[in-house]
Amino acid sequence: MTTIVEMPLRYNIGIKRIMDSREEFYNKIKSSQFITYTLEYFADCFTDDPRLLKAVNVKVYNLAQSQRPDVNQFTFTWEDVPRKEEENWQEFRMKVDSQLKKFLNELNDSTNAIEGKIL
């Protein structure tokens, strides 16, 4: 059976922080048909340094027949990771990268998330 839905070109929905609404995030994932994510990296002037994750942006699509899709946008960024006073910037960036990769692994293990955009 094929479901046809109209995909909007713009979304009026604000981006929610995963850390602020973790329960809502996991509830939306359970009821969705598509989950996509995009990655952001810290900018660095040296190209030989390893790229470190700065943010994971997730879109959760819930498609209903003959209705507009319910699209929710969530983000998990470096701003959500607490920084200790004794950490220097490089240590903090590595900690952020580690936590975001852990989150991404959990997301990929529990869902069929797709990297990139649908539209």
PDB file of N, CA and C in Angstrom:
ATOM      1  N   MET A   1       0.844  -1.167   0.000  1.00  0.00           N
ATOM      2  CA  MET A   1       0.000   0.000   0.000  1.00  0.00           C
ATOM      3  C   MET A   1       0.896   1.239   0.000  1.00  0.00           C
ATOM      4  N   THR A   2       0.584   2.180  -0.840  1.00  0.00           N
ATOM      5  CA  THR A   2       1.359   3.401  -0.952  1.00  0.00           C
ATOM      6  C   THR A   2       0.637   4.536  -0.236  1.00  0.00           C
ATOM      7  N   THR A   3       1.396   5.288   0.529  1.00  0.00           N
ATOM      8  CA  THR A   3       0.846   6.455   1.207  1.00  0.00           C
ATOM      9  C   THR A   3       1.384   7.700   0.517  1.00  0.00           C
ATOM     10  N   ILE A   4       0.497   8.609   0.173  1.00  0.00           N
ATOM     11  CA  ILE A   4       0.892   9.851  -0.481  1.00  0.00           C
ATOM     12  C   ILE A   4       0.671  10.996   0.500  1.00  0.00           C
ATOM     13  N   VAL A   5       1.708  11.772   0.725  1.00  0.00           N
ATOM     14  CA  VAL A   5       1.620  12.923   1.624  1.00  0.00           C
ATOM     15  C   VAL A   5       2.234  14.133   0.938  1.00  0.00           C
ATOM     16  N   GLU A   6       1.792  15.294   1.342  1.00  0.00           N
ATOM     17  CA  GLU A   6       2.360  16.551   0.823  1.00  0.00           C
ATOM     18  C   GLU A   6       3.477  16.982   1.757  1.00  0.00           C
ATOM     19  N   MET A   7       4.684  17.093   1.240  1.00  0.00           N
ATOM     20  CA  MET A   7       5.821  17.514   2.048  1.00  0.00           C
ATOM     21  C   MET A   7       5.971  19.031   1.939  1.00  0.00           C
ATOM     22  N   PRO A   8       5.873  19.744   3.047  1.00  0.00           N
ATOM     23  CA  PRO A   8       6.037  21.200   3.000  1.00  0.00           C
ATOM     24  C   PRO A   8       7.485  21.571   2.707  1.00  0.00           C
ATOM     25  N   LEU A   9       7.661  22.710   2.068  1.00  0.00           N
ATOM     26  CA  LEU A   9       9.011  23.183   1.783  1.00  0.00           C
ATOM     27  C   LEU A   9       9.610  23.914   2.976  1.00  0.00           C
ATOM     28  N   ARG A  10       8.757  24.457   3.847  1.00  0.00           N
ATOM     29  CA  ARG A  10       9.215  25.147   5.048  1.00  0.00           C
ATOM     30  C   ARG A  10       8.518  24.560   6.257  1.00  0.00           C
ATOM     31  N   TYR A  11       9.176  24.693   7.383  1.00  0.00           N
ATOM     32  CA  TYR A  11       8.614  24.192   8.632  1.00  0.00           C
ATOM     33  C   TYR A  11       8.456  25.348   9.600  1.00  0.00           C
ATOM     34  N   ASN A  12       7.323  25.416  10.270  1.00  0.00           N
ATOM     35  CA  ASN A  12       7.075  26.451  11.265  1.00  0.00           C
ATOM     36  C   ASN A  12       7.504  26.017  12.657  1.00  0.00           C
ATOM     37  N   ILE A  13       7.986  24.847  12.765  1.00  0.00           N
ATOM     38  CA  ILE A  13       8.290  24.273  14.066  1.00  0.00           C
ATOM     39  C   ILE A  13       9.660  24.745  14.535  1.00  0.00           C
ATOM     40  N   GLY A  14       9.722  25.188  15.777  1.00  0.00           N
ATOM     41  CA  GLY A  14      10.999  25.578  16.354  1.00  0.00           C
ATOM     42  C   GLY A  14      11.840  24.343  16.658  1.00  0.00           C
ATOM     43  N   ILE A  15      13.121  24.543  16.735  1.00  0.00           N
ATOM     44  CA  ILE A  15      14.030  23.449  17.047  1.00  0.00           C
ATOM     45  C   ILE A  15      14.076  23.271  18.557  1.00  0.00           C
ATOM     46  N   LYS A  16      13.871  22.029  18.996  1.00  0.00           N
ATOM     47  CA  LYS A  16      13.879  21.724  20.429  1.00  0.00           C
ATOM     48  C   LYS A  16      15.196  21.060  20.792  1.00  0.00           C
ATOM     49  N   ARG A  17      15.668  21.340  21.975  1.00  0.00           N
ATOM     50  CA  ARG A  17      16.880  20.690  22.463  1.00  0.00           C
ATOM     51  C   ARG A  17      16.525  19.310  23.004  1.00  0.00           C
ATOM     52  N   ILE A  18      17.273  18.317  22.592  1.00  0.00           N
ATOM     53  CA  ILE A  18      17.020  16.954  23.041  1.00  0.00           C
ATOM     54  C   ILE A  18      17.174  16.855  24.548  1.00  0.00           C
ATOM     55  N   MET A  19      18.149  17.562  25.107  1.00  0.00           N
ATOM     56  CA  MET A  19      18.388  17.497  26.548  1.00  0.00           C
ATOM     57  C   MET A  19      17.229  18.097  27.343  1.00  0.00           C
ATOM     58  N   ASP A  20      16.508  19.058  26.772  1.00  0.00           N
ATOM     59  CA  ASP A  20      15.377  19.678  27.462  1.00  0.00           C
ATOM     60  C   ASP A  20      14.111  18.849  27.362  1.00  0.00           C
ATOM     61  N   SER A  21      13.976  18.081  26.280  1.00  0.00           N
ATOM     62  CA  SER A  21      12.743  17.321  26.058  1.00  0.00           C
ATOM     63  C   SER A  21      13.061  15.894  25.610  1.00  0.00           C
ATOM     64  N   ARG A  22      13.874  15.205  26.398  1.00  0.00           N
ATOM     65  CA  ARG A  22      14.324  13.857  26.058  1.00  0.00           C
ATOM     66  C   ARG A  22      13.153  12.883  25.910  1.00  0.00           C
ATOM     67  N   GLU A  23      12.182  12.945  26.829  1.00  0.00           N
ATOM     68  CA  GLU A  23      11.040  12.039  26.782  1.00  0.00           C
ATOM     69  C   GLU A  23      10.204  12.277  25.523  1.00  0.00           C
ATOM     70  N   GLU A  24       9.961  13.540  25.202  1.00  0.00           N
ATOM     71  CA  GLU A  24       9.215  13.872  23.988  1.00  0.00           C
ATOM     72  C   GLU A  24       9.972  13.378  22.750  1.00  0.00           C
ATOM     73  N   PHE A  25      11.289  13.542  22.741  1.00  0.00           N
ATOM     74  CA  PHE A  25      12.114  13.096  21.616  1.00  0.00           C
ATOM     75  C   PHE A  25      11.942  11.597  21.377  1.00  0.00           C
ATOM     76  N   TYR A  26      12.067  10.792  22.427  1.00  0.00           N
ATOM     77  CA  TYR A  26      11.956   9.343  22.261  1.00  0.00           C
ATOM     78  C   TYR A  26      10.528   8.918  21.923  1.00  0.00           C
ATOM     79  N   ASN A  27       9.521   9.624  22.418  1.00  0.00           N
ATOM     80  CA  ASN A  27       8.134   9.323  22.047  1.00  0.00           C
ATOM     81  C   ASN A  27       7.888   9.615  20.571  1.00  0.00           C
ATOM     82  N   LYS A  28       8.426  10.718  20.076  1.00  0.00           N
ATOM     83  CA  LYS A  28       8.277  11.069  18.658  1.00  0.00           C
ATOM     84  C   LYS A  28       8.989  10.052  17.770  1.00  0.00           C
ATOM     85  N   ILE A  29      10.146   9.580  18.205  1.00  0.00           N
ATOM     86  CA  ILE A  29      10.891   8.583  17.429  1.00  0.00           C
ATOM     87  C   ILE A  29      10.089   7.290  17.307  1.00  0.00           C
ATOM     88  N   LYS A  30       9.473   6.870  18.389  1.00  0.00           N
ATOM     89  CA  LYS A  30       8.709   5.614  18.374  1.00  0.00           C
ATOM     90  C   LYS A  30       7.539   5.658  17.400  1.00  0.00           C
ATOM     91  N   SER A  31       6.943   6.831  17.211  1.00  0.00           N
ATOM     92  CA  SER A  31       5.765   6.932  16.350  1.00  0.00           C
ATOM     93  C   SER A  31       6.081   7.413  14.937  1.00  0.00           C
ATOM     94  N   SER A  32       7.338   7.604  14.606  1.00  0.00           N
ATOM     95  CA  SER A  32       7.690   8.186  13.308  1.00  0.00           C
ATOM     96  C   SER A  32       8.001   7.120  12.259  1.00  0.00           C
ATOM     97  N   GLN A  33       7.911   7.532  10.997  1.00  0.00           N
ATOM     98  CA  GLN A  33       8.264   6.653   9.888  1.00  0.00           C
ATOM     99  C   GLN A  33       9.682   6.930   9.380  1.00  0.00           C
ATOM    100  N   PHE A  34      10.114   8.197   9.454  1.00  0.00           N
ATOM    101  CA  PHE A  34      11.442   8.576   8.986  1.00  0.00           C
ATOM    102  C   PHE A  34      12.149   9.392  10.056  1.00  0.00           C
ATOM    103  N   ILE A  35      13.427   9.146  10.172  1.00  0.00           N
ATOM    104  CA  ILE A  35      14.281   9.945  11.054  1.00  0.00           C
ATOM    105  C   ILE A  35      15.529  10.281  10.257  1.00  0.00           C
ATOM    106  N   THR A  36      15.813  11.563  10.143  1.00  0.00           N
ATOM    107  CA  THR A  36      17.031  11.982   9.459  1.00  0.00           C
ATOM    108  C   THR A  36      17.872  12.806  10.420  1.00  0.00           C
ATOM    109  N   TYR A  37      19.170  12.839  10.159  1.00  0.00           N
ATOM    110  CA  TYR A  37      20.044  13.667  10.980  1.00  0.00           C
ATOM    111  C   TYR A  37      21.151  14.262  10.124  1.00  0.00           C
ATOM    112  N   THR A  38      21.598  15.421  10.549  1.00  0.00           N
ATOM    113  CA  THR A  38      22.751  16.065   9.928  1.00  0.00           C
ATOM    114  C   THR A  38      23.769  16.352  11.028  1.00  0.00           C
ATOM    115  N   LEU A  39      25.018  16.414  10.632  1.00  0.00           N
ATOM    116  CA  LEU A  39      26.112  16.620  11.583  1.00  0.00           C
ATOM    117  C   LEU A  39      26.773  17.966  11.340  1.00  0.00           C
ATOM    118  N   GLU A  40      27.221  18.577  12.420  1.00  0.00           N
ATOM    119  CA  GLU A  40      28.016  19.797  12.336  1.00  0.00           C
ATOM    120  C   GLU A  40      29.333  19.537  13.056  1.00  0.00           C
ATOM    121  N   TYR A  41      30.412  20.129  12.531  1.00  0.00           N
ATOM    122  CA  TYR A  41      31.741  19.933  13.098  1.00  0.00           C
ATOM    123  C   TYR A  41      32.318  21.270  13.555  1.00  0.00           C
ATOM    124  N   PHE A  42      33.196  21.199  14.547  1.00  0.00           N
ATOM    125  CA  PHE A  42      33.924  22.391  14.960  1.00  0.00           C
ATOM    126  C   PHE A  42      34.811  22.835  13.802  1.00  0.00           C
ATOM    127  N   ALA A  43      34.882  24.125  13.570  1.00  0.00           N
ATOM    128  CA  ALA A  43      35.744  24.668  12.521  1.00  0.00           C
ATOM    129  C   ALA A  43      37.179  24.710  13.049  1.00  0.00           C
ATOM    130  N   ASP A  44      38.104  24.361  12.192  1.00  0.00           N
ATOM    131  CA  ASP A  44      39.508  24.371  12.573  1.00  0.00           C
ATOM    132  C   ASP A  44      40.322  24.847  11.383  1.00  0.00           C
ATOM    133  N   CYS A  45      41.353  25.612  11.644  1.00  0.00           N
ATOM    134  CA  CYS A  45      42.148  26.160  10.549  1.00  0.00           C
ATOM    135  C   CYS A  45      43.139  25.139   9.970  1.00  0.00           C
ATOM    136  N   PHE A  46      43.372  24.038  10.673  1.00  0.00           N
ATOM    137  CA  PHE A  46      44.316  23.027  10.192  1.00  0.00           C
ATOM    138  C   PHE A  46      43.537  21.841   9.641  1.00  0.00           C
ATOM    139  N   THR A  47      43.793  21.485   8.400  1.00  0.00           N
ATOM    140  CA  THR A  47      43.039  20.407   7.773  1.00  0.00           C
ATOM    141  C   THR A  47      43.504  19.025   8.208  1.00  0.00           C
ATOM    142  N   ASP A  48      44.665  18.911   8.846  1.00  0.00           N
ATOM    143  CA  ASP A  48      45.134  17.595   9.269  1.00  0.00           C
ATOM    144  C   ASP A  48      44.625  17.203  10.655  1.00  0.00           C
ATOM    145  N   ASP A  49      43.969  18.133  11.373  1.00  0.00           N
ATOM    146  CA  ASP A  49      43.370  17.791  12.666  1.00  0.00           C
ATOM    147  C   ASP A  49      42.123  16.949  12.433  1.00  0.00           C
ATOM    148  N   PRO A  50      41.863  16.000  13.333  1.00  0.00           N
ATOM    149  CA  PRO A  50      40.639  15.202  13.175  1.00  0.00           C
ATOM    150  C   PRO A  50      39.405  16.079  13.364  1.00  0.00           C
ATOM    151  N   ARG A  51      38.380  15.799  12.588  1.00  0.00           N
ATOM    152  CA  ARG A  51      37.134  16.567  12.700  1.00  0.00           C
ATOM    153  C   ARG A  51      36.397  16.127  13.959  1.00  0.00           C
ATOM    154  N   LEU A  52      35.984  17.080  14.749  1.00  0.00           N
ATOM    155  CA  LEU A  52      35.274  16.794  15.990  1.00  0.00           C
ATOM    156  C   LEU A  52      33.832  17.282  15.868  1.00  0.00           C
ATOM    157  N   LEU A  53      32.892  16.423  16.261  1.00  0.00           N
ATOM    158  CA  LEU A  53      31.477  16.780  16.181  1.00  0.00           C
ATOM    159  C   LEU A  53      31.140  17.947  17.094  1.00  0.00           C
ATOM    160  N   LYS A  54      30.303  18.839  16.594  1.00  0.00           N
ATOM    161  CA  LYS A  54      29.844  19.989  17.359  1.00  0.00           C
ATOM    162  C   LYS A  54      28.352  19.894  17.648  1.00  0.00           C
ATOM    163  N   ALA A  55      27.590  19.265  16.737  1.00  0.00           N
ATOM    164  CA  ALA A  55      26.138  19.170  16.910  1.00  0.00           C
ATOM    165  C   ALA A  55      25.565  18.043  16.057  1.00  0.00           C
ATOM    166  N   VAL A  56      24.451  17.489  16.543  1.00  0.00           N
ATOM    167  CA  VAL A  56      23.660  16.528  15.778  1.00  0.00           C
ATOM    168  C   VAL A  56      22.253  17.110  15.700  1.00  0.00           C
ATOM    169  N   ASN A  57      21.774  17.325  14.477  1.00  0.00           N
ATOM    170  CA  ASN A  57      20.434  17.866  14.245  1.00  0.00           C
ATOM    171  C   ASN A  57      19.555  16.747  13.709  1.00  0.00           C
ATOM    172  N   VAL A  58      18.428  16.503  14.375  1.00  0.00           N
ATOM    173  CA  VAL A  58      17.562  15.384  14.031  1.00  0.00           C
ATOM    174  C   VAL A  58      16.192  15.904  13.607  1.00  0.00           C
ATOM    175  N   LYS A  59      15.667  15.356  12.503  1.00  0.00           N
ATOM    176  CA  LYS A  59      14.288  15.630  12.075  1.00  0.00           C
ATOM    177  C   LYS A  59      13.519  14.323  12.145  1.00  0.00           C
ATOM    178  N   VAL A  60      12.352  14.392  12.773  1.00  0.00           N
ATOM    179  CA  VAL A  60      11.505  13.217  12.958  1.00  0.00           C
ATOM    180  C   VAL A  60      10.225  13.452  12.159  1.00  0.00           C
ATOM    181  N   TYR A  61       9.947  12.559  11.203  1.00  0.00           N
ATOM    182  CA  TYR A  61       8.791  12.696  10.325  1.00  0.00           C
ATOM    183  C   TYR A  61       7.725  11.675  10.711  1.00  0.00           C
ATOM    184  N   ASN A  62       6.509  12.152  10.961  1.00  0.00           N
ATOM    185  CA  ASN A  62       5.373  11.280  11.203  1.00  0.00           C
ATOM    186  C   ASN A  62       4.385  11.537  10.072  1.00  0.00           C
ATOM    187  N   LEU A  63       4.237  10.549   9.189  1.00  0.00           N
ATOM    188  CA  LEU A  63       3.416  10.709   8.001  1.00  0.00           C
ATOM    189  C   LEU A  63       2.056  10.064   8.212  1.00  0.00           C
ATOM    190  N   ALA A  64       1.007  10.800   7.947  1.00  0.00           N
ATOM    191  CA  ALA A  64      -0.353  10.289   8.028  1.00  0.00           C
ATOM    192  C   ALA A  64      -1.012  10.468   6.673  1.00  0.00           C
ATOM    193  N   GLN A  65      -1.777   9.460   6.238  1.00  0.00           N
ATOM    194  CA  GLN A  65      -2.396   9.501   4.927  1.00  0.00           C
ATOM    195  C   GLN A  65      -3.363  10.679   4.815  1.00  0.00           C
ATOM    196  N   SER A  66      -3.289  11.394   3.707  1.00  0.00           N
ATOM    197  CA  SER A  66      -4.152  12.534   3.388  1.00  0.00           C
ATOM    198  C   SER A  66      -4.022  13.683   4.383  1.00  0.00           C
ATOM    199  N   GLN A  67      -2.893  13.784   5.047  1.00  0.00           N
ATOM    200  CA  GLN A  67      -2.642  14.885   5.973  1.00  0.00           C
ATOM    201  C   GLN A  67      -1.238  15.404   5.747  1.00  0.00           C
ATOM    202  N   ARG A  68      -1.006  16.605   6.215  1.00  0.00           N
ATOM    203  CA  ARG A  68       0.360  17.132   6.166  1.00  0.00           C
ATOM    204  C   ARG A  68       1.195  16.373   7.192  1.00  0.00           C
ATOM    205  N   PRO A  69       2.440  16.119   6.882  1.00  0.00           N
ATOM    206  CA  PRO A  69       3.289  15.394   7.831  1.00  0.00           C
ATOM    207  C   PRO A  69       3.593  16.226   9.077  1.00  0.00           C
ATOM    208  N   ASP A  70       3.751  15.535  10.174  1.00  0.00           N
ATOM    209  CA  ASP A  70       4.168  16.155  11.432  1.00  0.00           C
ATOM    210  C   ASP A  70       5.688  16.045  11.478  1.00  0.00           C
ATOM    211  N   VAL A  71       6.368  17.168  11.347  1.00  0.00           N
ATOM    212  CA  VAL A  71       7.835  17.185  11.315  1.00  0.00           C
ATOM    213  C   VAL A  71       8.329  17.907  12.560  1.00  0.00           C
ATOM    214  N   ASN A  72       9.131  17.195  13.349  1.00  0.00           N
ATOM    215  CA  ASN A  72       9.701  17.767  14.564  1.00  0.00           C
ATOM    216  C   ASN A  72      11.213  17.814  14.416  1.00  0.00           C
ATOM    217  N   GLN A  73      11.789  18.939  14.837  1.00  0.00           N
ATOM    218  CA  GLN A  73      13.228  19.123  14.731  1.00  0.00           C
ATOM    219  C   GLN A  73      13.831  19.189  16.134  1.00  0.00           C
ATOM    220  N   PHE A  74      14.897  18.429  16.334  1.00  0.00           N
ATOM    221  CA  PHE A  74      15.587  18.383  17.618  1.00  0.00           C
ATOM    222  C   PHE A  74      17.075  18.586  17.377  1.00  0.00           C
ATOM    223  N   THR A  75      17.770  19.054  18.402  1.00  0.00           N
ATOM    224  CA  THR A  75      19.215  19.245  18.284  1.00  0.00           C
ATOM    225  C   THR A  75      19.908  18.874  19.588  1.00  0.00           C
ATOM    226  N   PHE A  76      21.119  18.376  19.457  1.00  0.00           N
ATOM    227  CA  PHE A  76      22.004  18.090  20.590  1.00  0.00           C
ATOM    228  C   PHE A  76      23.333  18.735  20.226  1.00  0.00           C
ATOM    229  N   THR A  77      23.715  19.805  20.928  1.00  0.00           N
ATOM    230  CA  THR A  77      24.894  20.578  20.545  1.00  0.00           C
ATOM    231  C   THR A  77      25.913  20.646  21.679  1.00  0.00           C
ATOM    232  N   TRP A  78      27.032  21.258  21.361  1.00  0.00           N
ATOM    233  CA  TRP A  78      28.103  21.446  22.343  1.00  0.00           C
ATOM    234  C   TRP A  78      27.620  22.294  23.509  1.00  0.00           C
ATOM    235  N   GLU A  79      26.617  23.123  23.300  1.00  0.00           N
ATOM    236  CA  GLU A  79      26.088  23.963  24.368  1.00  0.00           C
ATOM    237  C   GLU A  79      25.340  23.151  25.429  1.00  0.00           C
ATOM    238  N   ASP A  80      24.953  21.917  25.094  1.00  0.00           N
ATOM    239  CA  ASP A  80      24.239  21.052  26.030  1.00  0.00           C
ATOM    240  C   ASP A  80      25.182  20.239  26.921  1.00  0.00           C
ATOM    241  N   VAL A  81      26.457  20.309  26.654  1.00  0.00           N
ATOM    242  CA  VAL A  81      27.452  19.549  27.426  1.00  0.00           C
ATOM    243  C   VAL A  81      28.089  20.486  28.446  1.00  0.00           C
ATOM    244  N   PRO A  82      28.011  20.139  29.727  1.00  0.00           N
ATOM    245  CA  PRO A  82      28.609  21.024  30.735  1.00  0.00           C
ATOM    246  C   PRO A  82      30.140  21.023  30.637  1.00  0.00           C
ATOM    247  N   ARG A  83      30.713  22.189  30.824  1.00  0.00           N
ATOM    248  CA  ARG A  83      32.178  22.321  30.761  1.00  0.00           C
ATOM    249  C   ARG A  83      32.714  22.618  32.152  1.00  0.00           C
ATOM    250  N   LYS A  84      33.714  21.849  32.543  1.00  0.00           N
ATOM    251  CA  LYS A  84      34.368  22.065  33.835  1.00  0.00           C
ATOM    252  C   LYS A  84      35.362  23.214  33.703  1.00  0.00           C
ATOM    253  N   GLU A  85      35.567  23.913  34.787  1.00  0.00           N
ATOM    254  CA  GLU A  85      36.479  25.064  34.756  1.00  0.00           C
ATOM    255  C   GLU A  85      37.909  24.676  34.425  1.00  0.00           C
ATOM    256  N   GLU A  86      38.333  23.481  34.851  1.00  0.00           N
ATOM    257  CA  GLU A  86      39.721  23.077  34.625  1.00  0.00           C
ATOM    258  C   GLU A  86      39.967  22.507  33.219  1.00  0.00           C
ATOM    259  N   GLU A  87      38.918  22.327  32.426  1.00  0.00           N
ATOM    260  CA  GLU A  87      39.088  21.808  31.070  1.00  0.00           C
ATOM    261  C   GLU A  87      39.519  22.918  30.118  1.00  0.00           C
ATOM    262  N   ASN A  88      40.506  22.606  29.290  1.00  0.00           N
ATOM    263  CA  ASN A  88      40.842  23.566  28.249  1.00  0.00           C
ATOM    264  C   ASN A  88      39.919  23.316  27.049  1.00  0.00           C
ATOM    265  N   TRP A  89      39.986  24.196  26.067  1.00  0.00           N
ATOM    266  CA  TRP A  89      39.061  24.129  24.945  1.00  0.00           C
ATOM    267  C   TRP A  89      39.194  22.830  24.157  1.00  0.00           C
ATOM    268  N   GLN A  90      40.411  22.361  23.953  1.00  0.00           N
ATOM    269  CA  GLN A  90      40.625  21.121  23.195  1.00  0.00           C
ATOM    270  C   GLN A  90      40.053  19.919  23.947  1.00  0.00           C
ATOM    271  N   GLU A  91      40.270  19.836  25.244  1.00  0.00           N
ATOM    272  CA  GLU A  91      39.697  18.737  26.038  1.00  0.00           C
ATOM    273  C   GLU A  91      38.172  18.771  25.988  1.00  0.00           C
ATOM    274  N   PHE A  92      37.612  19.961  26.084  1.00  0.00           N
ATOM    275  CA  PHE A  92      36.169  20.101  26.035  1.00  0.00           C
ATOM    276  C   PHE A  92      35.618  19.659  24.681  1.00  0.00           C
ATOM    277  N   ARG A  93      36.268  20.081  23.598  1.00  0.00           N
ATOM    278  CA  ARG A  93      35.822  19.675  22.264  1.00  0.00           C
ATOM    279  C   ARG A  93      35.866  18.159  22.107  1.00  0.00           C
ATOM    280  N   MET A  94      36.894  17.520  22.642  1.00  0.00           N
ATOM    281  CA  MET A  94      36.993  16.067  22.561  1.00  0.00           C
ATOM    282  C   MET A  94      35.886  15.397  23.379  1.00  0.00           C
ATOM    283  N   LYS A  95      35.556  15.977  24.534  1.00  0.00           N
ATOM    284  CA  LYS A  95      34.471  15.444  25.356  1.00  0.00           C
ATOM    285  C   LYS A  95      33.135  15.579  24.628  1.00  0.00           C
ATOM    286  N   VAL A  96      32.902  16.717  24.000  1.00  0.00           N
ATOM    287  CA  VAL A  96      31.677  16.936  23.236  1.00  0.00           C
ATOM    288  C   VAL A  96      31.588  15.923  22.099  1.00  0.00           C
ATOM    289  N   ASP A  97      32.679  15.753  21.358  1.00  0.00           N
ATOM    290  CA  ASP A  97      32.726  14.799  20.256  1.00  0.00           C
ATOM    291  C   ASP A  97      32.380  13.396  20.748  1.00  0.00           C
ATOM    292  N   SER A  98      32.941  13.006  21.868  1.00  0.00           N
ATOM    293  CA  SER A  98      32.687  11.682  22.430  1.00  0.00           C
ATOM    294  C   SER A  98      31.215  11.498  22.808  1.00  0.00           C
ATOM    295  N   GLN A  99      30.623  12.492  23.474  1.00  0.00           N
ATOM    296  CA  GLN A  99      29.225  12.383  23.888  1.00  0.00           C
ATOM    297  C   GLN A  99      28.276  12.390  22.695  1.00  0.00           C
ATOM    298  N   LEU A 100      28.579  13.207  21.693  1.00  0.00           N
ATOM    299  CA  LEU A 100      27.725  13.242  20.507  1.00  0.00           C
ATOM    300  C   LEU A 100      27.828  11.945  19.707  1.00  0.00           C
ATOM    301  N   LYS A 101      29.017  11.372  19.615  1.00  0.00           N
ATOM    302  CA  LYS A 101      29.167  10.082  18.926  1.00  0.00           C
ATOM    303  C   LYS A 101      28.429   8.975  19.674  1.00  0.00           C
ATOM    304  N   LYS A 102      28.471   9.018  20.999  1.00  0.00           N
ATOM    305  CA  LYS A 102      27.728   8.040  21.798  1.00  0.00           C
ATOM    306  C   LYS A 102      26.233   8.172  21.524  1.00  0.00           C
ATOM    307  N   PHE A 103      25.716   9.405  21.522  1.00  0.00           N
ATOM    308  CA  PHE A 103      24.307   9.644  21.221  1.00  0.00           C
ATOM    309  C   PHE A 103      23.969   9.144  19.818  1.00  0.00           C
ATOM    310  N   LEU A 104      24.819   9.434  18.857  1.00  0.00           N
ATOM    311  CA  LEU A 104      24.588   9.029  17.475  1.00  0.00           C
ATOM    312  C   LEU A 104      24.568   7.505  17.342  1.00  0.00           C
ATOM    313  N   ASN A 105      25.468   6.821  18.040  1.00  0.00           N
ATOM    314  CA  ASN A 105      25.474   5.355  18.025  1.00  0.00           C
ATOM    315  C   ASN A 105      24.183   4.799  18.613  1.00  0.00           C
ATOM    316  N   GLU A 106      23.711   5.381  19.716  1.00  0.00           N
ATOM    317  CA  GLU A 106      22.452   4.942  20.322  1.00  0.00           C
ATOM    318  C   GLU A 106      21.285   5.181  19.365  1.00  0.00           C
ATOM    319  N   LEU A 107      21.285   6.315  18.696  1.00  0.00           N
ATOM    320  CA  LEU A 107      20.230   6.630  17.740  1.00  0.00           C
ATOM    321  C   LEU A 107      20.228   5.629  16.594  1.00  0.00           C
ATOM    322  N   ASN A 108      21.391   5.330  16.046  1.00  0.00           N
ATOM    323  CA  ASN A 108      21.486   4.386  14.933  1.00  0.00           C
ATOM    324  C   ASN A 108      21.181   2.953  15.360  1.00  0.00           C
ATOM    325  N   ASP A 109      21.499   2.591  16.599  1.00  0.00           N
ATOM    326  CA  ASP A 109      21.208   1.241  17.085  1.00  0.00           C
ATOM    327  C   ASP A 109      19.721   1.025  17.332  1.00  0.00           C
ATOM    328  N   SER A 110      19.022   2.075  17.765  1.00  0.00           N
ATOM    329  CA  SER A 110      17.613   1.913  18.123  1.00  0.00           C
ATOM    330  C   SER A 110      16.644   2.293  17.009  1.00  0.00           C
ATOM    331  N   THR A 111      17.127   2.933  15.930  1.00  0.00           N
ATOM    332  CA  THR A 111      16.259   3.372  14.835  1.00  0.00           C
ATOM    333  C   THR A 111      16.939   3.128  13.501  1.00  0.00           C
ATOM    334  N   ASN A 112      16.211   3.368  12.442  1.00  0.00           N
ATOM    335  CA  ASN A 112      16.778   3.334  11.094  1.00  0.00           C
ATOM    336  C   ASN A 112      16.993   4.758  10.602  1.00  0.00           C
ATOM    337  N   ALA A 113      17.726   5.539  11.368  1.00  0.00           N
ATOM    338  CA  ALA A 113      17.965   6.933  11.032  1.00  0.00           C
ATOM    339  C   ALA A 113      18.828   7.036   9.774  1.00  0.00           C
ATOM    340  N   ILE A 114      18.544   8.062   8.985  1.00  0.00           N
ATOM    341  CA  ILE A 114      19.253   8.304   7.726  1.00  0.00           C
ATOM    342  C   ILE A 114      20.040   9.585   7.856  1.00  0.00           C
ATOM    343  N   GLU A 115      21.321   9.539   7.490  1.00  0.00           N
ATOM    344  CA  GLU A 115      22.116  10.763   7.510  1.00  0.00           C
ATOM    345  C   GLU A 115      21.811  11.580   6.261  1.00  0.00           C
ATOM    346  N   GLY A 116      21.537  12.849   6.446  1.00  0.00           N
ATOM    347  CA  GLY A 116      21.230  13.740   5.329  1.00  0.00           C
ATOM    348  C   GLY A 116      19.806  14.256   5.432  1.00  0.00           C
ATOM    349  N   LYS A 117      19.360  14.894   4.354  1.00  0.00           N
ATOM    350  CA  LYS A 117      18.031  15.497   4.316  1.00  0.00           C
ATOM    351  C   LYS A 117      17.156  14.746   3.326  1.00  0.00           C
ATOM    352  N   ILE A 118      15.863  14.733   3.597  1.00  0.00           N
ATOM    353  CA  ILE A 118      14.919  14.119   2.653  1.00  0.00           C
ATOM    354  C   ILE A 118      14.665  15.062   1.492  1.00  0.00           C
ATOM    355  N   LEU A 119      14.511  16.348   1.804  1.00  0.00           N
ATOM    356  CA  LEU A 119      14.225  17.343   0.759  1.00  0.00           C
ATOM    357  C   LEU A 119      15.484  18.023   0.313  1.00  0.00           C
TER     358      LEU A 119
END
